[in-house]
Amino acid sequence: MEYSELTSMTEKELHLNLRDERAQLQKLKFSHAVSPVENPHKLRASRKLIARYLTEINRRRIENQSNDGAQ
C-alpha cells in the first residue's frame, strides 16, 4: 500500500484496517509457529503495514493537537 492511499483514508478506515491487519499478522504468526509459512516475507510486510498505519494515525493526532493549541 502506498503512502498516498493512507493519507486519503479517513480516521475510522485507518483504525479498522489497523485492527484487521493486526489480526492477520496474529494468524500468520500462529501458522508460522505450527508449520513454516511458504512466504515469510508476508510477516515482514504485515509488520511494516501496521507501522505505516500507526505512523499516519499518530501524525494526524499530533497535527490535530498542534492545531488546537494554536487557536
C-alpha atoms as a PDB file:
ATOM      1  CA  MET A   1       0.000   0.000   0.000  1.00  0.00           C
ATOM      2  CA  GLU A   2       1.330   3.395  -0.940  1.00  0.00           C
ATOM      3  CA  TYR A   3       1.531   6.342   1.419  1.00  0.00           C
ATOM      4  CA  SER A   4      -0.862   8.386  -0.719  1.00  0.00           C
ATOM      5  CA  GLU A   5      -3.523   5.737  -0.154  1.00  0.00           C
ATOM      6  CA  LEU A   6      -3.080   6.062   3.606  1.00  0.00           C
ATOM      7  CA  THR A   7      -3.397   9.827   3.571  1.00  0.00           C
ATOM      8  CA  SER A   8      -6.654   9.615   1.619  1.00  0.00           C
ATOM      9  CA  MET A   9      -8.260   7.304   4.205  1.00  0.00           C
ATOM     10  CA  THR A  10     -10.468   8.577   6.993  1.00  0.00           C
ATOM     11  CA  GLU A  11      -9.523   8.135  10.628  1.00  0.00           C
ATOM     12  CA  LYS A  12     -12.109   5.387  11.050  1.00  0.00           C
ATOM     13  CA  GLU A  13     -10.848   3.492   7.988  1.00  0.00           C
ATOM     14  CA  LEU A  14      -7.298   3.645   9.313  1.00  0.00           C
ATOM     15  CA  HIS A  15      -8.335   2.191  12.661  1.00  0.00           C
ATOM     16  CA  LEU A  16     -10.418  -0.558  11.044  1.00  0.00           C
ATOM     17  CA  ASN A  17      -7.625  -1.526   8.651  1.00  0.00           C
ATOM     18  CA  LEU A  18      -5.125  -1.478  11.514  1.00  0.00           C
ATOM     19  CA  ARG A  19      -7.301  -3.853  13.537  1.00  0.00           C
ATOM     20  CA  ASP A  20      -7.732  -6.190  10.567  1.00  0.00           C
ATOM     21  CA  GLU A  21      -4.027  -6.170   9.746  1.00  0.00           C
ATOM     22  CA  ARG A  22      -3.098  -6.936  13.367  1.00  0.00           C
ATOM     23  CA  ALA A  23      -5.496  -9.891  13.332  1.00  0.00           C
ATOM     24  CA  GLN A  24      -3.994 -11.128  10.078  1.00  0.00           C
ATOM     25  CA  LEU A  25      -0.469 -10.815  11.500  1.00  0.00           C
ATOM     26  CA  GLN A  26      -1.507 -12.800  14.559  1.00  0.00           C
ATOM     27  CA  LYS A  27      -2.865 -15.580  12.334  1.00  0.00           C
ATOM     28  CA  LEU A  28       0.308 -15.561  10.248  1.00  0.00           C
ATOM     29  CA  LYS A  29       2.477 -15.808  13.354  1.00  0.00           C
ATOM     30  CA  PHE A  30       0.438 -18.695  14.688  1.00  0.00           C
ATOM     31  CA  SER A  31       0.504 -20.605  11.428  1.00  0.00           C
ATOM     32  CA  HIS A  32       4.232 -19.928  11.099  1.00  0.00           C
ATOM     33  CA  ALA A  33       4.819 -21.365  14.573  1.00  0.00           C
ATOM     34  CA  VAL A  34       2.919 -24.527  13.700  1.00  0.00           C
ATOM     35  CA  SER A  35       4.465 -25.020  10.285  1.00  0.00           C
ATOM     36  CA  PRO A  36       6.680 -22.684   8.267  1.00  0.00           C
ATOM     37  CA  VAL A  37       4.848 -20.179   6.098  1.00  0.00           C
ATOM     38  CA  GLU A  38       5.561 -20.624   2.407  1.00  0.00           C
ATOM     39  CA  ASN A  39       6.399 -16.938   2.063  1.00  0.00           C
ATOM     40  CA  PRO A  40       7.940 -15.498   5.270  1.00  0.00           C
ATOM     41  CA  HIS A  41       8.126 -12.080   3.612  1.00  0.00           C
ATOM     42  CA  LYS A  42       4.387 -11.759   4.339  1.00  0.00           C
ATOM     43  CA  LEU A  43       5.216 -11.433   8.049  1.00  0.00           C
ATOM     44  CA  ARG A  44       7.600  -8.563   7.424  1.00  0.00           C
ATOM     45  CA  ALA A  45       5.222  -6.846   5.006  1.00  0.00           C
ATOM     46  CA  SER A  46       2.394  -7.089   7.509  1.00  0.00           C
ATOM     47  CA  ARG A  47       4.511  -5.582  10.305  1.00  0.00           C
ATOM     48  CA  LYS A  48       5.559  -2.730   8.027  1.00  0.00           C
ATOM     49  CA  LEU A  49       1.961  -2.027   7.024  1.00  0.00           C
ATOM     50  CA  ILE A  50       0.921  -1.914  10.681  1.00  0.00           C
ATOM     51  CA  ALA A  51       3.737   0.560  11.338  1.00  0.00           C
ATOM     52  CA  ARG A  52       2.556   2.715   8.437  1.00  0.00           C
ATOM     53  CA  TYR A  53      -0.989   2.774   9.809  1.00  0.00           C
ATOM     54  CA  LEU A  54       0.254   3.707  13.272  1.00  0.00           C
ATOM     55  CA  THR A  55       2.524   6.398  11.872  1.00  0.00           C
ATOM     56  CA  GLU A  56      -0.310   8.012   9.931  1.00  0.00           C
ATOM     57  CA  ILE A  57      -2.666   7.836  12.929  1.00  0.00           C
ATOM     58  CA  ASN A  58      -0.055   9.437  15.186  1.00  0.00           C
ATOM     59  CA  ARG A  59       0.792  12.080  12.584  1.00  0.00           C
ATOM     60  CA  ARG A  60      -2.854  13.102  12.402  1.00  0.00           C
ATOM     61  CA  ARG A  61      -3.191  13.099  16.200  1.00  0.00           C
ATOM     62  CA  ILE A  62      -0.159  15.361  16.587  1.00  0.00           C
ATOM     63  CA  GLU A  63      -1.383  17.626  13.785  1.00  0.00           C
ATOM     64  CA  ASN A  64      -4.781  17.967  15.464  1.00  0.00           C
ATOM     65  CA  GLN A  65      -3.174  18.735  18.828  1.00  0.00           C
ATOM     66  CA  SER A  66      -0.954  21.417  17.340  1.00  0.00           C
ATOM     67  CA  ASN A  67      -3.915  22.972  15.517  1.00  0.00           C
ATOM     68  CA  ASP A  68      -5.981  23.005  18.715  1.00  0.00           C
ATOM     69  CA  GLY A  69      -3.165  24.653  20.642  1.00  0.00           C
ATOM     70  CA  ALA A  70      -2.644  27.355  18.014  1.00  0.00           C
ATOM     71  CA  GLN A  71      -6.243  28.569  18.194  1.00  0.00           C
END
